[in-house]
Amino acid sequence: MDGVRYKIREVLDKDKIEAFLRQVRIGHLGMADGHLPYVVPLNFVWTNGKLYFHGAAGGRRNQVMEANPEVCFTVSEEYGTITDPVPAKTDTAYMSVMIFGKAHPVVDLDEATLMLQAMIDKYVPGYYNRPLPQQHVDKYRSTVFGGPVRVYRIDPHQITAKENQLEEGKMFKPGKTV
């Protein structure tokens, strides 16, 4: 698998990549549905070098992953437009990470409970006054889809990251002109 082509923007600092993956809120799961691409936006958590997400047990996403568990998960943040007097040098400040790996359903109840608790802690910190009970995870049935919640784990083969850092004095703001 190829790495990052534009080496000047490549991020190799593992701590920076880890911190970014812990704070970004939405990622996009890319899959191959036969000969067609299929991409789904998801909430997720990154912990211990693994990426986790959840959802109903049925649906197209799960069918596609069962047929081909090789996936690409992409997260990015855009920080604004970097201006330059030369229009061709106008650019975007951003960071992005791509995780290539295999998606597996998490069957271990302890692991599933820990990951769902981690999602609660990330997306609604302090909202619940007690930890998620394991029995709740074990018994939960979706009222919308009629099936159990399923947690998935992506075991990465490769992680690539790129960044174009903010340039404070050059960032576009409404009303700014050359």
Protein backbone atom coordinates (compact mmCIF):
# COMPACT_ATOMS: atom_id res chain seq x y z
CA MET A 1 0.00 0.00 0.00
CA ASP A 2 1.28 3.46 -0.89
CA GLY A 3 2.04 6.06 1.74
CA VAL A 4 1.49 9.80 1.59
CA ARG A 5 2.60 11.27 -1.75
CA TYR A 6 3.01 14.87 -0.57
CA LYS A 7 5.74 14.15 2.01
CA ILE A 8 6.06 17.74 3.21
CA ARG A 9 2.56 17.43 4.75
CA GLU A 10 2.96 13.93 6.14
CA VAL A 11 2.46 13.60 9.90
CA LEU A 12 4.63 10.94 11.53
CA ASP A 13 4.21 12.02 15.17
CA LYS A 14 2.20 9.12 16.63
CA ASP A 15 1.16 11.15 19.71
CA LYS A 16 -0.24 13.90 17.48
CA ILE A 17 -2.16 11.36 15.39
CA GLU A 18 -3.51 9.65 18.54
CA ALA A 19 -4.65 12.97 20.05
CA PHE A 20 -6.34 13.93 16.79
CA LEU A 21 -8.18 10.60 16.54
CA ARG A 22 -9.39 10.93 20.14
CA GLN A 23 -10.89 14.40 19.62
CA VAL A 24 -12.44 14.29 16.12
CA ARG A 25 -16.15 13.52 16.32
CA ILE A 26 -17.13 12.19 12.86
CA GLY A 27 -15.34 9.82 10.52
CA HIS A 28 -16.21 8.21 7.20
CA LEU A 29 -16.12 4.45 6.77
CA GLY A 30 -15.21 3.47 3.21
CA MET A 31 -16.05 -0.01 1.96
CA ALA A 32 -16.17 -1.92 -1.32
CA ASP A 33 -19.68 -3.13 -2.12
CA GLY A 34 -18.83 -5.48 -4.97
CA HIS A 35 -17.44 -3.11 -7.59
CA LEU A 36 -19.05 0.00 -6.08
CA PRO A 37 -17.71 2.25 -3.31
CA TYR A 38 -19.89 2.74 -0.23
CA VAL A 39 -19.06 5.37 2.40
CA VAL A 40 -20.92 6.02 5.66
CA PRO A 41 -20.35 8.84 8.19
CA LEU A 42 -20.07 7.55 11.77
CA ASN A 43 -19.39 8.47 15.38
CA PHE A 44 -16.39 6.52 16.67
CA VAL A 45 -13.83 6.13 19.42
CA TRP A 46 -10.11 5.51 19.12
CA THR A 47 -8.47 3.60 21.94
CA ASN A 48 -5.47 1.29 22.37
CA GLY A 49 -4.57 1.54 18.68
CA LYS A 50 -8.02 0.39 17.54
CA LEU A 51 -11.04 2.20 16.15
CA TYR A 52 -14.55 1.32 17.32
CA PHE A 53 -18.02 2.24 16.12
CA HIS A 54 -21.50 0.85 16.65
CA GLY A 55 -24.93 0.58 15.09
CA ALA A 56 -27.83 -1.70 14.47
CA ALA A 57 -27.00 -5.31 13.61
CA GLY A 58 -28.75 -5.21 10.23
CA GLY A 59 -28.41 -3.00 7.19
CA ARG A 60 -26.27 -2.50 4.12
CA ARG A 61 -23.13 -1.41 6.01
CA ASN A 62 -22.99 -4.70 7.92
CA GLN A 63 -23.73 -6.77 4.82
CA VAL A 64 -20.91 -5.05 2.93
CA MET A 65 -18.42 -5.57 5.78
CA GLU A 66 -19.39 -9.25 6.09
CA ALA A 67 -18.66 -9.76 2.38
CA ASN A 68 -15.41 -7.76 2.51
CA PRO A 69 -14.07 -6.66 5.92
CA GLU A 70 -11.24 -4.58 4.39
CA VAL A 71 -12.13 -0.94 5.06
CA CYS A 72 -10.72 2.56 5.06
CA PHE A 73 -11.76 4.96 7.82
CA THR A 74 -11.05 8.64 7.19
CA VAL A 75 -11.24 11.58 9.59
CA SER A 76 -10.45 15.19 8.84
CA GLU A 77 -10.75 18.67 10.26
CA GLU A 78 -10.63 21.85 8.21
CA TYR A 79 -9.24 24.88 10.05
CA GLY A 80 -9.79 27.61 7.45
CA THR A 81 -8.43 29.06 4.24
CA ILE A 82 -4.84 30.27 3.97
CA THR A 83 -4.69 33.34 1.73
CA ASP A 84 -1.90 34.42 -0.57
CA PRO A 85 -1.61 37.35 -3.00
CA VAL A 86 -1.07 34.73 -5.72
CA PRO A 87 -4.46 32.98 -6.22
CA ALA A 88 -2.84 29.64 -7.11
CA LYS A 89 -1.14 29.61 -3.68
CA THR A 90 -4.40 29.95 -1.71
CA ASP A 91 -4.72 26.80 0.37
CA THR A 92 -6.60 25.08 3.20
CA ALA A 93 -5.36 24.46 6.74
CA TYR A 94 -6.34 20.93 7.80
CA MET A 95 -5.39 17.63 9.34
CA SER A 96 -6.55 14.24 8.11
CA VAL A 97 -5.94 10.62 9.04
CA MET A 98 -6.69 7.51 7.00
CA ILE A 99 -6.87 4.13 8.71
CA PHE A 100 -6.71 1.05 6.50
CA GLY A 101 -7.68 -2.18 8.18
CA LYS A 102 -10.08 -4.99 8.79
CA ALA A 103 -13.46 -4.49 10.48
CA HIS A 104 -14.62 -7.15 12.93
CA PRO A 105 -17.80 -7.40 14.99
CA VAL A 106 -16.93 -7.30 18.68
CA VAL A 107 -18.40 -10.44 20.27
CA ASP A 108 -16.82 -10.08 23.71
CA LEU A 109 -19.39 -8.44 26.01
CA ASP A 110 -16.71 -6.80 28.20
CA GLU A 111 -15.01 -5.19 25.19
CA ALA A 112 -18.36 -4.06 23.72
CA THR A 113 -19.45 -2.53 27.04
CA LEU A 114 -16.14 -0.70 27.48
CA MET A 115 -16.34 0.73 23.98
CA LEU A 116 -19.96 1.85 24.29
CA GLN A 117 -19.03 3.52 27.59
CA ALA A 118 -16.12 5.21 25.83
CA MET A 119 -18.56 6.53 23.21
CA ILE A 120 -20.84 7.89 25.92
CA ASP A 121 -17.85 9.53 27.61
CA LYS A 122 -16.75 11.12 24.31
CA TYR A 123 -20.11 12.35 23.00
CA VAL A 124 -22.06 13.13 26.21
CA PRO A 125 -19.42 13.50 28.94
CA GLY A 126 -20.91 13.70 32.42
CA TYR A 127 -24.49 13.32 31.18
CA TYR A 128 -25.16 9.96 32.85
CA ASN A 129 -24.66 9.66 36.58
CA ARG A 130 -23.47 6.03 36.48
CA PRO A 131 -21.55 3.74 34.13
CA LEU A 132 -23.30 1.81 31.38
CA PRO A 133 -24.42 -1.54 32.84
CA GLN A 134 -23.18 -4.61 31.00
CA GLN A 135 -26.71 -6.07 31.20
CA HIS A 136 -28.00 -3.09 29.21
CA VAL A 137 -25.55 -3.80 26.40
CA ASP A 138 -26.36 -7.52 26.50
CA LYS A 139 -30.14 -7.03 26.39
CA TYR A 140 -30.48 -3.88 24.28
CA ARG A 141 -32.69 -4.15 21.24
CA SER A 142 -33.11 -1.28 18.81
CA THR A 143 -36.69 -0.06 18.62
CA VAL A 144 -36.03 1.35 15.14
CA PHE A 145 -34.30 -1.58 13.46
CA GLY A 146 -35.57 -4.49 15.53
CA GLY A 147 -32.15 -6.01 16.21
CA PRO A 148 -29.35 -5.82 18.74
CA VAL A 149 -26.77 -3.08 18.81
CA ARG A 150 -23.47 -4.23 17.35
CA VAL A 151 -20.02 -2.86 18.11
CA TYR A 152 -17.29 -3.09 15.46
CA ARG A 153 -13.54 -2.82 15.78
CA ILE A 154 -11.13 -1.86 13.04
CA ASP A 155 -7.70 -3.42 13.43
CA PRO A 156 -5.40 -1.13 11.41
CA HIS A 157 -2.82 -2.42 8.89
CA GLN A 158 -1.70 1.10 8.00
CA ILE A 159 -2.34 4.63 9.21
CA THR A 160 -1.42 7.70 7.20
CA ALA A 161 -1.80 11.33 8.25
CA LYS A 162 -1.42 14.70 6.58
CA GLU A 163 -1.52 18.26 7.82
CA ASN A 164 -1.32 21.78 6.48
CA GLN A 165 -0.84 23.93 9.56
CA LEU A 166 -2.59 27.21 10.30
CA GLU A 167 -0.68 30.33 9.32
CA GLU A 168 -2.20 32.91 11.69
CA GLY A 169 -1.44 36.08 9.70
CA LYS A 170 -2.57 34.51 6.43
CA MET A 171 -5.95 33.04 7.46
CA PHE A 172 -8.96 34.35 5.55
CA LYS A 173 -11.57 36.33 7.47
CA PRO A 174 -14.64 37.99 5.91
CA GLY A 175 -13.69 41.44 4.67
CA LYS A 176 -9.98 40.59 4.25
CA THR A 177 -8.61 41.66 0.88
CA VAL A 178 -5.22 41.75 -0.87
